[in-house]
Amino acid sequence: MISTTPAENHLDSVKVDPAHHRVLFENDQVRVLRWLVAVGDTTLNHSHPNNLNICLTDYNGKVTEPNAKISRVQAKAGSVTWRQAGSHAVENLTNQPMEGIIVEPKQPASTRPAGSPDPVAVDPEHHKIEFENEQIRVLRERREPGDLPLHGHPDSVQVLLTDLNVTVTTADGKTQTIAGKAGDVRWRPATQHKGVVLGEKPVEQILVEMKGWR
């Protein structure tokens, strides 16, 4: 059974541990949180439904479960992990704040615009599937400055791992420049676009695409 409704859980992270968890945005398909644990700090015991955890910093934590089981979890900045619903408290063992994004799918229901190419098919050099299940598909996009070929996405959560500066042209011919900072998180409605990555530095982002039930 897939856990989809945080409000049904009396240990919802945002309610019982707001010092470390806050909602960035929420709609009928997904809830997205930002978490932050200072050096030497420990969260209160809290719960999440099934979720995707995206580390914005290196992660080195002591994780304590309700049954008193303790484990040490380590991950690199930019890593993504699908986690089953559960409860835990986390202690920061690093010498810097730990920060990340949690994507909690509810009832995703979206598709790419009709006729739009799948970016993994038309641009596999720059789009890699990190994870996929019946609710979401997670893409990592890495590229040097230059052209973006025409492709489409369903409704998606966009997480920037680097600064971004790109000129995008959508299927209706409208062009705009989009900029963002590393760590920015946005909701992107389904789109078909092409464009040009500006600047001199490579860019990297995580796209969590809403799929829906199958």
N, C-alpha and C. Protein backbone atom coordinates (compact mmCIF):
# COMPACT_ATOMS: atom_id res chain seq x y z
N MET A 1 0.85 -1.20 0.00
CA MET A 1 0.00 0.00 0.00
C MET A 1 0.88 1.25 0.00
N ILE A 2 0.57 2.21 -0.83
CA ILE A 2 1.36 3.43 -0.93
C ILE A 2 0.83 4.49 0.03
N SER A 3 1.73 5.02 0.83
CA SER A 3 1.36 6.09 1.76
C SER A 3 1.37 7.41 1.03
N THR A 4 0.23 8.13 1.05
CA THR A 4 0.14 9.34 0.24
C THR A 4 -0.27 10.59 1.00
N THR A 5 -0.76 10.45 2.22
CA THR A 5 -1.35 11.60 2.88
C THR A 5 -0.65 11.92 4.19
N PRO A 6 0.28 12.89 4.20
CA PRO A 6 1.00 13.23 5.42
C PRO A 6 0.08 13.60 6.57
N ALA A 7 -1.03 14.28 6.28
CA ALA A 7 -1.92 14.76 7.33
C ALA A 7 -2.51 13.62 8.15
N GLU A 8 -2.54 12.42 7.61
CA GLU A 8 -3.09 11.29 8.32
C GLU A 8 -2.13 10.78 9.40
N ASN A 9 -0.89 11.26 9.36
CA ASN A 9 0.14 10.78 10.28
C ASN A 9 0.33 11.80 11.40
N HIS A 10 0.10 11.39 12.67
CA HIS A 10 0.20 12.33 13.77
C HIS A 10 1.63 12.77 14.04
N LEU A 11 2.62 12.11 13.42
CA LEU A 11 4.02 12.52 13.55
C LEU A 11 4.51 13.25 12.30
N ASP A 12 3.60 13.81 11.54
CA ASP A 12 3.97 14.56 10.34
C ASP A 12 5.11 15.51 10.66
N SER A 13 6.18 15.44 9.88
CA SER A 13 7.42 16.17 10.17
C SER A 13 7.20 17.67 10.33
N VAL A 14 6.34 18.25 9.51
CA VAL A 14 6.11 19.70 9.56
C VAL A 14 5.38 20.10 10.83
N LYS A 15 4.54 19.22 11.35
CA LYS A 15 3.76 19.54 12.55
C LYS A 15 4.57 19.32 13.84
N VAL A 16 5.29 18.18 13.90
CA VAL A 16 5.98 17.86 15.15
C VAL A 16 7.40 18.39 15.20
N ASP A 17 7.99 18.73 14.05
CA ASP A 17 9.37 19.20 14.03
C ASP A 17 9.55 20.37 13.06
N PRO A 18 8.79 21.45 13.25
CA PRO A 18 8.86 22.59 12.31
C PRO A 18 10.20 23.31 12.35
N ALA A 19 10.99 23.09 13.38
CA ALA A 19 12.31 23.73 13.44
C ALA A 19 13.24 23.21 12.36
N HIS A 20 12.94 22.00 11.85
CA HIS A 20 13.82 21.37 10.87
C HIS A 20 13.13 21.09 9.53
N HIS A 21 11.83 21.24 9.47
CA HIS A 21 11.08 20.92 8.24
C HIS A 21 10.08 22.04 7.94
N ARG A 22 10.04 22.47 6.68
CA ARG A 22 9.02 23.44 6.28
C ARG A 22 8.53 23.12 4.88
N VAL A 23 7.27 23.44 4.64
CA VAL A 23 6.66 23.19 3.33
C VAL A 23 7.06 24.30 2.37
N LEU A 24 7.61 23.92 1.22
CA LEU A 24 7.91 24.88 0.16
C LEU A 24 6.68 25.14 -0.70
N PHE A 25 6.00 24.08 -1.08
CA PHE A 25 4.72 24.22 -1.78
C PHE A 25 4.00 22.89 -1.74
N GLU A 26 2.71 22.95 -2.00
CA GLU A 26 1.86 21.76 -1.96
C GLU A 26 0.71 21.93 -2.93
N ASN A 27 0.37 20.86 -3.63
CA ASN A 27 -0.81 20.86 -4.49
C ASN A 27 -1.44 19.48 -4.42
N ASP A 28 -2.37 19.18 -5.34
CA ASP A 28 -3.07 17.90 -5.25
C ASP A 28 -2.20 16.72 -5.66
N GLN A 29 -1.03 16.97 -6.25
CA GLN A 29 -0.17 15.88 -6.70
C GLN A 29 1.02 15.61 -5.79
N VAL A 30 1.45 16.63 -5.04
CA VAL A 30 2.71 16.48 -4.32
C VAL A 30 2.81 17.50 -3.19
N ARG A 31 3.56 17.15 -2.17
CA ARG A 31 3.99 18.11 -1.16
C ARG A 31 5.52 18.11 -1.15
N VAL A 32 6.11 19.30 -1.12
CA VAL A 32 7.57 19.43 -1.18
C VAL A 32 8.06 20.18 0.05
N LEU A 33 9.03 19.59 0.76
CA LEU A 33 9.58 20.15 1.98
C LEU A 33 11.06 20.48 1.80
N ARG A 34 11.51 21.46 2.56
CA ARG A 34 12.94 21.69 2.73
C ARG A 34 13.29 21.33 4.17
N TRP A 35 14.34 20.53 4.36
CA TRP A 35 14.79 20.20 5.72
C TRP A 35 16.19 20.75 5.93
N LEU A 36 16.49 21.11 7.18
CA LEU A 36 17.79 21.68 7.52
C LEU A 36 18.11 21.30 8.96
N VAL A 37 19.29 20.70 9.15
CA VAL A 37 19.73 20.29 10.49
C VAL A 37 21.10 20.91 10.74
N ALA A 38 21.19 21.75 11.76
CA ALA A 38 22.44 22.44 12.06
C ALA A 38 23.50 21.47 12.60
N VAL A 39 24.74 21.93 12.64
CA VAL A 39 25.85 21.13 13.15
C VAL A 39 25.55 20.70 14.59
N GLY A 40 25.66 19.39 14.85
CA GLY A 40 25.45 18.88 16.20
C GLY A 40 24.01 18.80 16.65
N ASP A 41 23.08 19.21 15.80
CA ASP A 41 21.67 19.23 16.17
C ASP A 41 21.03 17.89 15.87
N THR A 42 19.89 17.63 16.51
CA THR A 42 19.12 16.40 16.30
C THR A 42 17.66 16.75 16.13
N THR A 43 17.03 16.17 15.15
CA THR A 43 15.60 16.41 14.95
C THR A 43 14.79 15.70 16.02
N LEU A 44 13.55 16.10 16.18
CA LEU A 44 12.62 15.32 16.97
C LEU A 44 12.20 14.09 16.17
N ASN A 45 11.68 13.10 16.85
CA ASN A 45 11.15 11.94 16.14
C ASN A 45 9.97 12.39 15.28
N HIS A 46 9.97 12.00 14.00
CA HIS A 46 8.94 12.44 13.07
C HIS A 46 8.76 11.39 11.99
N SER A 47 7.73 11.56 11.20
CA SER A 47 7.41 10.59 10.15
C SER A 47 7.28 11.26 8.79
N HIS A 48 7.48 10.45 7.75
CA HIS A 48 7.22 10.85 6.37
C HIS A 48 6.43 9.75 5.69
N PRO A 49 5.56 10.09 4.77
CA PRO A 49 5.03 9.07 3.86
C PRO A 49 6.13 8.67 2.89
N ASN A 50 5.85 7.76 1.97
CA ASN A 50 6.84 7.44 0.94
C ASN A 50 7.33 8.74 0.32
N ASN A 51 8.64 8.82 0.11
CA ASN A 51 9.18 10.10 -0.35
C ASN A 51 10.50 9.94 -1.07
N LEU A 52 10.84 10.98 -1.83
CA LEU A 52 12.15 11.09 -2.47
C LEU A 52 12.94 12.13 -1.71
N ASN A 53 14.13 11.75 -1.23
CA ASN A 53 15.00 12.67 -0.52
C ASN A 53 16.14 13.10 -1.45
N ILE A 54 16.32 14.41 -1.62
CA ILE A 54 17.37 14.96 -2.47
C ILE A 54 18.32 15.75 -1.58
N CYS A 55 19.56 15.31 -1.47
CA CYS A 55 20.53 15.99 -0.61
C CYS A 55 21.13 17.20 -1.32
N LEU A 56 21.03 18.36 -0.70
CA LEU A 56 21.68 19.55 -1.23
C LEU A 56 23.09 19.71 -0.69
N THR A 57 23.39 19.03 0.41
CA THR A 57 24.72 19.02 1.00
C THR A 57 25.13 17.57 1.24
N ASP A 58 26.39 17.34 1.56
CA ASP A 58 26.79 16.02 2.02
C ASP A 58 25.99 15.66 3.27
N TYR A 59 25.70 14.37 3.41
CA TYR A 59 24.86 13.88 4.51
C TYR A 59 25.63 12.85 5.31
N ASN A 60 25.71 13.05 6.61
CA ASN A 60 26.30 12.07 7.52
C ASN A 60 25.50 12.15 8.81
N GLY A 61 24.55 11.24 8.95
CA GLY A 61 23.62 11.33 10.07
C GLY A 61 23.50 10.06 10.87
N LYS A 62 23.23 10.20 12.15
CA LYS A 62 22.86 9.07 13.00
C LYS A 62 21.35 9.02 13.04
N VAL A 63 20.80 7.94 12.51
CA VAL A 63 19.35 7.80 12.37
C VAL A 63 18.84 6.83 13.42
N THR A 64 17.92 7.31 14.24
CA THR A 64 17.34 6.48 15.30
C THR A 64 15.88 6.23 14.99
N GLU A 65 15.49 4.95 14.91
CA GLU A 65 14.11 4.58 14.63
C GLU A 65 13.34 4.38 15.93
N PRO A 66 12.00 4.35 15.88
CA PRO A 66 11.20 4.21 17.11
C PRO A 66 11.51 2.94 17.91
N ASN A 67 11.97 1.89 17.22
CA ASN A 67 12.31 0.65 17.92
C ASN A 67 13.71 0.70 18.53
N ALA A 68 14.34 1.89 18.54
CA ALA A 68 15.67 2.13 19.10
C ALA A 68 16.79 1.63 18.20
N LYS A 69 16.49 1.14 17.02
CA LYS A 69 17.53 0.76 16.08
C LYS A 69 18.25 2.02 15.61
N ILE A 70 19.58 1.98 15.63
CA ILE A 70 20.40 3.12 15.23
C ILE A 70 21.26 2.74 14.04
N SER A 71 21.30 3.61 13.05
CA SER A 71 22.15 3.38 11.88
C SER A 71 22.81 4.69 11.48
N ARG A 72 23.94 4.56 10.81
CA ARG A 72 24.62 5.73 10.29
C ARG A 72 24.40 5.77 8.78
N VAL A 73 23.90 6.90 8.30
CA VAL A 73 23.57 7.06 6.88
C VAL A 73 24.44 8.17 6.30
N GLN A 74 25.09 7.86 5.18
CA GLN A 74 25.94 8.84 4.51
C GLN A 74 25.52 8.96 3.05
N ALA A 75 25.60 10.17 2.51
CA ALA A 75 25.27 10.41 1.11
C ALA A 75 25.98 11.68 0.65
N LYS A 76 26.18 11.78 -0.64
CA LYS A 76 26.84 12.94 -1.22
C LYS A 76 25.82 14.00 -1.64
N ALA A 77 26.26 15.24 -1.65
CA ALA A 77 25.42 16.31 -2.17
C ALA A 77 24.97 15.99 -3.59
N GLY A 78 23.71 16.17 -3.86
CA GLY A 78 23.17 15.88 -5.19
C GLY A 78 22.59 14.49 -5.33
N SER A 79 22.76 13.64 -4.32
CA SER A 79 22.23 12.28 -4.41
C SER A 79 20.73 12.26 -4.17
N VAL A 80 20.05 11.26 -4.74
CA VAL A 80 18.61 11.10 -4.54
C VAL A 80 18.33 9.69 -4.01
N THR A 81 17.38 9.59 -3.08
CA THR A 81 17.05 8.31 -2.47
C THR A 81 15.54 8.21 -2.28
N TRP A 82 14.97 7.11 -2.78
CA TRP A 82 13.55 6.83 -2.52
C TRP A 82 13.46 6.13 -1.17
N ARG A 83 12.57 6.63 -0.30
CA ARG A 83 12.45 6.10 1.05
C ARG A 83 11.01 5.68 1.32
N GLN A 84 10.86 4.50 1.91
CA GLN A 84 9.54 4.04 2.30
C GLN A 84 9.06 4.81 3.53
N ALA A 85 7.75 4.88 3.69
CA ALA A 85 7.17 5.59 4.82
C ALA A 85 7.74 5.06 6.13
N GLY A 86 8.00 5.97 7.06
CA GLY A 86 8.55 5.56 8.34
C GLY A 86 8.83 6.74 9.24
N SER A 87 9.27 6.42 10.47
CA SER A 87 9.58 7.43 11.47
C SER A 87 11.04 7.34 11.88
N HIS A 88 11.62 8.49 12.25
CA HIS A 88 13.01 8.51 12.70
C HIS A 88 13.35 9.86 13.31
N ALA A 89 14.48 9.88 13.99
CA ALA A 89 15.12 11.13 14.41
C ALA A 89 16.52 11.11 13.82
N VAL A 90 17.04 12.28 13.43
CA VAL A 90 18.33 12.35 12.74
C VAL A 90 19.25 13.32 13.46
N GLU A 91 20.47 12.87 13.76
CA GLU A 91 21.49 13.73 14.34
C GLU A 91 22.53 14.06 13.28
N ASN A 92 22.89 15.32 13.16
CA ASN A 92 23.89 15.76 12.20
C ASN A 92 25.29 15.48 12.75
N LEU A 93 26.05 14.62 12.08
CA LEU A 93 27.39 14.27 12.51
C LEU A 93 28.47 15.00 11.72
N THR A 94 28.07 15.86 10.80
CA THR A 94 29.04 16.57 9.98
C THR A 94 29.49 17.85 10.68
N ASN A 95 30.43 18.55 10.04
CA ASN A 95 30.89 19.84 10.57
C ASN A 95 30.29 21.01 9.82
N GLN A 96 29.16 20.76 9.15
CA GLN A 96 28.42 21.81 8.46
C GLN A 96 26.94 21.48 8.50
N PRO A 97 26.06 22.46 8.30
CA PRO A 97 24.63 22.16 8.26
C PRO A 97 24.31 21.17 7.15
N MET A 98 23.36 20.29 7.42
CA MET A 98 22.86 19.36 6.40
C MET A 98 21.52 19.89 5.90
N GLU A 99 21.34 19.84 4.57
CA GLU A 99 20.13 20.40 3.98
C GLU A 99 19.69 19.55 2.81
N GLY A 100 18.38 19.48 2.62
CA GLY A 100 17.87 18.73 1.49
C GLY A 100 16.41 19.04 1.20
N ILE A 101 15.90 18.37 0.18
CA ILE A 101 14.52 18.53 -0.28
C ILE A 101 13.83 17.17 -0.21
N ILE A 102 12.61 17.17 0.30
CA ILE A 102 11.80 15.95 0.34
C ILE A 102 10.59 16.15 -0.56
N VAL A 103 10.41 15.23 -1.49
CA VAL A 103 9.26 15.25 -2.40
C VAL A 103 8.33 14.11 -2.01
N GLU A 104 7.13 14.46 -1.53
CA GLU A 104 6.16 13.48 -1.07
C GLU A 104 5.02 13.38 -2.09
N PRO A 105 5.02 12.37 -2.96
CA PRO A 105 3.93 12.25 -3.93
C PRO A 105 2.61 11.97 -3.23
N LYS A 106 1.56 12.54 -3.78
CA LYS A 106 0.20 12.26 -3.29
C LYS A 106 -0.49 11.35 -4.31
N GLN A 107 -1.15 11.98 -5.29
CA GLN A 107 -1.78 11.23 -6.37
C GLN A 107 -1.38 11.87 -7.69
N PRO A 108 -0.12 11.69 -8.11
CA PRO A 108 0.34 12.29 -9.37
C PRO A 108 -0.53 11.85 -10.54
N ALA A 109 -0.77 12.75 -11.46
CA ALA A 109 -1.60 12.45 -12.63
C ALA A 109 -1.24 13.44 -13.73
N SER A 110 -0.18 13.15 -14.47
CA SER A 110 0.25 14.06 -15.52
C SER A 110 0.97 13.28 -16.61
N THR A 111 1.00 13.86 -17.80
CA THR A 111 1.73 13.28 -18.93
C THR A 111 2.43 14.39 -19.68
N ARG A 112 3.39 14.00 -20.52
CA ARG A 112 4.01 14.99 -21.40
C ARG A 112 2.97 15.51 -22.39
N PRO A 113 3.13 16.77 -22.82
CA PRO A 113 2.24 17.27 -23.87
C PRO A 113 2.23 16.33 -25.07
N ALA A 114 1.05 16.17 -25.67
CA ALA A 114 0.88 15.23 -26.78
C ALA A 114 1.90 15.49 -27.88
N GLY A 115 2.60 14.44 -28.29
CA GLY A 115 3.55 14.54 -29.39
C GLY A 115 4.93 15.04 -28.99
N SER A 116 5.13 15.41 -27.74
CA SER A 116 6.44 15.93 -27.33
C SER A 116 7.41 14.79 -27.09
N PRO A 117 8.67 14.93 -27.53
CA PRO A 117 9.66 13.87 -27.36
C PRO A 117 10.07 13.69 -25.91
N ASP A 118 10.36 12.45 -25.54
CA ASP A 118 10.89 12.14 -24.22
C ASP A 118 12.36 12.59 -24.19
N PRO A 119 12.77 13.41 -23.21
CA PRO A 119 14.15 13.88 -23.18
C PRO A 119 15.17 12.75 -23.06
N VAL A 120 14.78 11.65 -22.41
CA VAL A 120 15.70 10.52 -22.27
C VAL A 120 15.96 9.87 -23.63
N ALA A 121 14.95 9.92 -24.51
CA ALA A 121 15.10 9.31 -25.84
C ALA A 121 15.86 10.23 -26.80
N VAL A 122 15.57 11.53 -26.76
CA VAL A 122 16.17 12.44 -27.75
C VAL A 122 17.47 13.08 -27.26
N ASP A 123 17.72 13.02 -25.94
CA ASP A 123 18.92 13.67 -25.40
C ASP A 123 19.51 12.82 -24.26
N PRO A 124 19.80 11.53 -24.54
CA PRO A 124 20.25 10.64 -23.47
C PRO A 124 21.60 11.01 -22.89
N GLU A 125 22.39 11.76 -23.62
CA GLU A 125 23.70 12.17 -23.11
C GLU A 125 23.56 13.07 -21.88
N HIS A 126 22.44 13.80 -21.81
CA HIS A 126 22.29 14.78 -20.75
C HIS A 126 21.15 14.48 -19.78
N HIS A 127 20.35 13.45 -20.05
CA HIS A 127 19.24 13.08 -19.18
C HIS A 127 19.38 11.62 -18.76
N LYS A 128 19.46 11.39 -17.46
CA LYS A 128 19.60 10.05 -16.90
C LYS A 128 18.47 9.78 -15.93
N ILE A 129 17.85 8.61 -16.05
CA ILE A 129 16.81 8.21 -15.10
C ILE A 129 17.49 7.74 -13.81
N GLU A 130 17.21 8.44 -12.71
CA GLU A 130 17.78 8.09 -11.41
C GLU A 130 16.89 7.11 -10.65
N PHE A 131 15.58 7.22 -10.86
CA PHE A 131 14.63 6.38 -10.15
C PHE A 131 13.29 6.47 -10.86
N GLU A 132 12.52 5.38 -10.79
CA GLU A 132 11.18 5.40 -11.37
C GLU A 132 10.30 4.38 -10.67
N ASN A 133 9.08 4.78 -10.38
CA ASN A 133 8.06 3.85 -9.91
C ASN A 133 6.72 4.24 -10.53
N GLU A 134 5.62 3.77 -9.97
CA GLU A 134 4.32 4.04 -10.59
C GLU A 134 3.86 5.48 -10.38
N GLN A 135 4.51 6.22 -9.49
CA GLN A 135 4.08 7.59 -9.21
C GLN A 135 4.97 8.66 -9.85
N ILE A 136 6.27 8.44 -9.82
CA ILE A 136 7.20 9.47 -10.29
C ILE A 136 8.30 8.88 -11.16
N ARG A 137 8.89 9.73 -11.98
CA ARG A 137 10.15 9.42 -12.66
C ARG A 137 11.12 10.54 -12.32
N VAL A 138 12.32 10.16 -11.91
CA VAL A 138 13.31 11.14 -11.47
C VAL A 138 14.44 11.20 -12.50
N LEU A 139 14.63 12.39 -13.07
CA LEU A 139 15.69 12.59 -14.06
C LEU A 139 16.77 13.48 -13.48
N ARG A 140 18.01 13.15 -13.79
CA ARG A 140 19.13 14.04 -13.52
C ARG A 140 19.58 14.61 -14.87
N GLU A 141 19.60 15.93 -14.95
CA GLU A 141 20.03 16.59 -16.18
C GLU A 141 21.34 17.32 -15.91
N ARG A 142 22.39 16.94 -16.64
CA ARG A 142 23.68 17.61 -16.56
C ARG A 142 24.07 18.02 -17.98
N ARG A 143 24.51 19.25 -18.14
CA ARG A 143 24.92 19.66 -19.49
C ARG A 143 25.85 20.86 -19.43
N GLU A 144 26.65 20.97 -20.47
CA GLU A 144 27.48 22.14 -20.69
C GLU A 144 26.62 23.23 -21.33
N PRO A 145 27.07 24.49 -21.30
CA PRO A 145 26.35 25.54 -22.02
C PRO A 145 26.17 25.17 -23.49
N GLY A 146 25.04 25.51 -24.05
CA GLY A 146 24.75 25.18 -25.44
C GLY A 146 23.28 24.89 -25.63
N ASP A 147 22.95 24.27 -26.78
CA ASP A 147 21.56 24.08 -27.18
C ASP A 147 20.86 22.97 -26.39
N LEU A 148 19.58 23.21 -26.13
CA LEU A 148 18.67 22.20 -25.59
C LEU A 148 17.76 21.74 -26.72
N PRO A 149 17.74 20.46 -27.07
CA PRO A 149 16.84 20.01 -28.13
C PRO A 149 15.38 20.03 -27.67
N LEU A 150 14.46 20.06 -28.60
CA LEU A 150 13.04 20.06 -28.29
C LEU A 150 12.67 18.78 -27.54
N HIS A 151 11.97 18.93 -26.41
CA HIS A 151 11.50 17.79 -25.64
C HIS A 151 10.39 18.24 -24.71
N GLY A 152 9.74 17.27 -24.06
CA GLY A 152 8.63 17.60 -23.18
C GLY A 152 8.75 16.95 -21.82
N HIS A 153 8.03 17.52 -20.85
CA HIS A 153 7.95 16.97 -19.50
C HIS A 153 6.52 17.05 -19.02
N PRO A 154 6.07 16.08 -18.22
CA PRO A 154 4.80 16.25 -17.50
C PRO A 154 4.99 17.27 -16.37
N ASP A 155 3.97 17.50 -15.58
CA ASP A 155 4.11 18.33 -14.38
C ASP A 155 5.30 17.80 -13.58
N SER A 156 6.15 18.69 -13.08
CA SER A 156 7.40 18.26 -12.45
C SER A 156 7.78 19.17 -11.29
N VAL A 157 8.55 18.60 -10.36
CA VAL A 157 9.26 19.37 -9.35
C VAL A 157 10.70 19.53 -9.84
N GLN A 158 11.16 20.77 -9.94
CA GLN A 158 12.50 21.08 -10.41
C GLN A 158 13.37 21.50 -9.22
N VAL A 159 14.50 20.81 -9.04
CA VAL A 159 15.44 21.13 -7.97
C VAL A 159 16.79 21.47 -8.60
N LEU A 160 17.23 22.71 -8.44
CA LEU A 160 18.50 23.14 -9.03
C LEU A 160 19.66 22.75 -8.13
N LEU A 161 20.62 22.02 -8.69
CA LEU A 161 21.83 21.66 -7.95
C LEU A 161 22.96 22.65 -8.23
N THR A 162 22.81 23.43 -9.29
CA THR A 162 23.75 24.50 -9.63
C THR A 162 22.95 25.73 -10.01
N ASP A 163 23.61 26.86 -10.15
CA ASP A 163 22.94 28.04 -10.71
C ASP A 163 22.50 27.72 -12.14
N LEU A 164 21.44 28.37 -12.58
CA LEU A 164 20.89 28.12 -13.91
C LEU A 164 20.59 29.43 -14.61
N ASN A 165 20.96 29.51 -15.88
CA ASN A 165 20.62 30.65 -16.72
C ASN A 165 20.37 30.10 -18.12
N VAL A 166 19.12 30.11 -18.55
CA VAL A 166 18.76 29.45 -19.80
C VAL A 166 17.70 30.26 -20.53
N THR A 167 17.79 30.28 -21.84
CA THR A 167 16.74 30.86 -22.69
C THR A 167 15.90 29.72 -23.23
N VAL A 168 14.60 29.77 -22.98
CA VAL A 168 13.69 28.67 -23.32
C VAL A 168 12.64 29.16 -24.30
N THR A 169 12.40 28.37 -25.33
CA THR A 169 11.33 28.63 -26.29
C THR A 169 10.32 27.50 -26.20
N THR A 170 9.07 27.81 -25.88
CA THR A 170 8.04 26.81 -25.74
C THR A 170 7.38 26.51 -27.09
N ALA A 171 6.50 25.52 -27.09
CA ALA A 171 5.90 25.06 -28.35
C ALA A 171 5.09 26.14 -29.05
N ASP A 172 4.60 27.13 -28.31
CA ASP A 172 3.82 28.20 -28.92
C ASP A 172 4.70 29.33 -29.46
N GLY A 173 6.03 29.14 -29.42
CA GLY A 173 6.95 30.12 -29.98
C GLY A 173 7.39 31.22 -29.03
N LYS A 174 6.91 31.20 -27.79
CA LYS A 174 7.29 32.22 -26.82
C LYS A 174 8.66 31.90 -26.22
N THR A 175 9.51 32.93 -26.13
CA THR A 175 10.86 32.76 -25.60
C THR A 175 11.03 33.60 -24.34
N GLN A 176 11.66 33.01 -23.33
CA GLN A 176 11.95 33.75 -22.10
C GLN A 176 13.26 33.25 -21.51
N THR A 177 13.92 34.12 -20.74
CA THR A 177 15.14 33.74 -20.03
C THR A 177 14.77 33.39 -18.60
N ILE A 178 15.23 32.22 -18.15
CA ILE A 178 14.93 31.72 -16.81
C ILE A 178 16.24 31.58 -16.05
N ALA A 179 16.30 32.16 -14.87
CA ALA A 179 17.51 32.09 -14.04
C ALA A 179 17.13 31.56 -12.66
N GLY A 180 18.10 30.92 -11.99
CA GLY A 180 17.87 30.41 -10.65
C GLY A 180 19.18 30.11 -9.96
N LYS A 181 19.10 29.95 -8.65
CA LYS A 181 20.27 29.68 -7.83
C LYS A 181 20.26 28.22 -7.37
N ALA A 182 21.45 27.69 -7.13
CA ALA A 182 21.55 26.34 -6.58
C ALA A 182 20.71 26.24 -5.32
N GLY A 183 19.89 25.18 -5.23
CA GLY A 183 19.00 24.99 -4.08
C GLY A 183 17.59 25.48 -4.32
N ASP A 184 17.36 26.22 -5.40
CA ASP A 184 16.00 26.66 -5.72
C ASP A 184 15.13 25.45 -6.09
N VAL A 185 13.86 25.52 -5.71
CA VAL A 185 12.91 24.44 -6.00
C VAL A 185 11.65 25.07 -6.58
N ARG A 186 11.17 24.50 -7.68
CA ARG A 186 10.01 25.07 -8.37
C ARG A 186 9.06 23.97 -8.83
N TRP A 187 7.79 24.37 -8.93
CA TRP A 187 6.78 23.52 -9.58
C TRP A 187 6.71 23.93 -11.03
N ARG A 188 6.86 22.97 -11.95
CA ARG A 188 6.79 23.27 -13.38
C ARG A 188 5.62 22.54 -14.01
N PRO A 189 4.61 23.26 -14.48
CA PRO A 189 3.53 22.61 -15.23
C PRO A 189 4.07 21.94 -16.48
N ALA A 190 3.35 20.94 -16.96
CA ALA A 190 3.75 20.20 -18.16
C ALA A 190 4.11 21.16 -19.28
N THR A 191 5.19 20.84 -19.99
CA THR A 191 5.68 21.76 -21.00
C THR A 191 6.43 21.03 -22.10
N GLN A 192 6.50 21.66 -23.27
CA GLN A 192 7.36 21.22 -24.37
C GLN A 192 8.23 22.43 -24.74
N HIS A 193 9.54 22.23 -24.75
CA HIS A 193 10.41 23.39 -24.99
C HIS A 193 11.76 22.98 -25.58
N LYS A 194 12.45 23.99 -26.05
CA LYS A 194 13.84 23.87 -26.47
C LYS A 194 14.53 25.14 -25.99
N GLY A 195 15.86 25.23 -26.13
CA GLY A 195 16.49 26.44 -25.66
C GLY A 195 18.00 26.41 -25.72
N VAL A 196 18.60 27.33 -24.97
CA VAL A 196 20.05 27.47 -24.94
C VAL A 196 20.47 27.72 -23.49
N VAL A 197 21.41 26.91 -23.00
CA VAL A 197 22.00 27.14 -21.68
C VAL A 197 23.07 28.21 -21.83
N LEU A 198 22.93 29.30 -21.09
CA LEU A 198 23.83 30.44 -21.20
C LEU A 198 24.97 30.33 -20.18
N GLY A 199 25.96 31.19 -20.32
CA GLY A 199 27.06 31.22 -19.38
C GLY A 199 28.20 30.30 -19.79
N GLU A 200 29.10 30.05 -18.85
CA GLU A 200 30.31 29.28 -19.14
C GLU A 200 30.43 28.03 -18.27
N LYS A 201 29.53 27.85 -17.29
CA LYS A 201 29.66 26.74 -16.36
C LYS A 201 28.61 25.67 -16.65
N PRO A 202 28.93 24.38 -16.40
CA PRO A 202 27.94 23.31 -16.54
C PRO A 202 26.78 23.53 -15.57
N VAL A 203 25.64 23.00 -15.92
CA VAL A 203 24.46 23.09 -15.05
C VAL A 203 23.98 21.68 -14.73
N GLU A 204 23.34 21.55 -13.58
CA GLU A 204 22.80 20.25 -13.14
C GLU A 204 21.52 20.48 -12.36
N GLN A 205 20.53 19.64 -12.63
CA GLN A 205 19.26 19.74 -11.91
C GLN A 205 18.62 18.36 -11.81
N ILE A 206 17.72 18.24 -10.83
CA ILE A 206 16.89 17.06 -10.67
C ILE A 206 15.47 17.42 -11.04
N LEU A 207 14.84 16.61 -11.88
CA LEU A 207 13.44 16.79 -12.26
C LEU A 207 12.65 15.59 -11.77
N VAL A 208 11.66 15.86 -10.93
CA VAL A 208 10.79 14.79 -10.42
C VAL A 208 9.48 14.90 -11.17
N GLU A 209 9.29 14.01 -12.13
CA GLU A 209 8.13 14.06 -13.02
C GLU A 209 6.96 13.30 -12.42
N MET A 210 5.79 13.92 -12.44
CA MET A 210 4.57 13.27 -11.96
C MET A 210 4.05 12.30 -13.03
N LYS A 211 3.75 11.09 -12.62
CA LYS A 211 3.28 10.08 -13.56
C LYS A 211 1.82 9.71 -13.35
N GLY A 212 1.46 9.40 -12.12
CA GLY A 212 0.10 8.96 -11.84
C GLY A 212 -0.01 7.46 -11.75
N TRP A 213 -1.20 7.01 -11.42
CA TRP A 213 -1.44 5.60 -11.18
C TRP A 213 -1.50 4.83 -12.48
N ARG A 214 -1.02 3.57 -12.45
CA ARG A 214 -1.08 2.71 -13.64
C ARG A 214 -1.73 1.39 -13.31
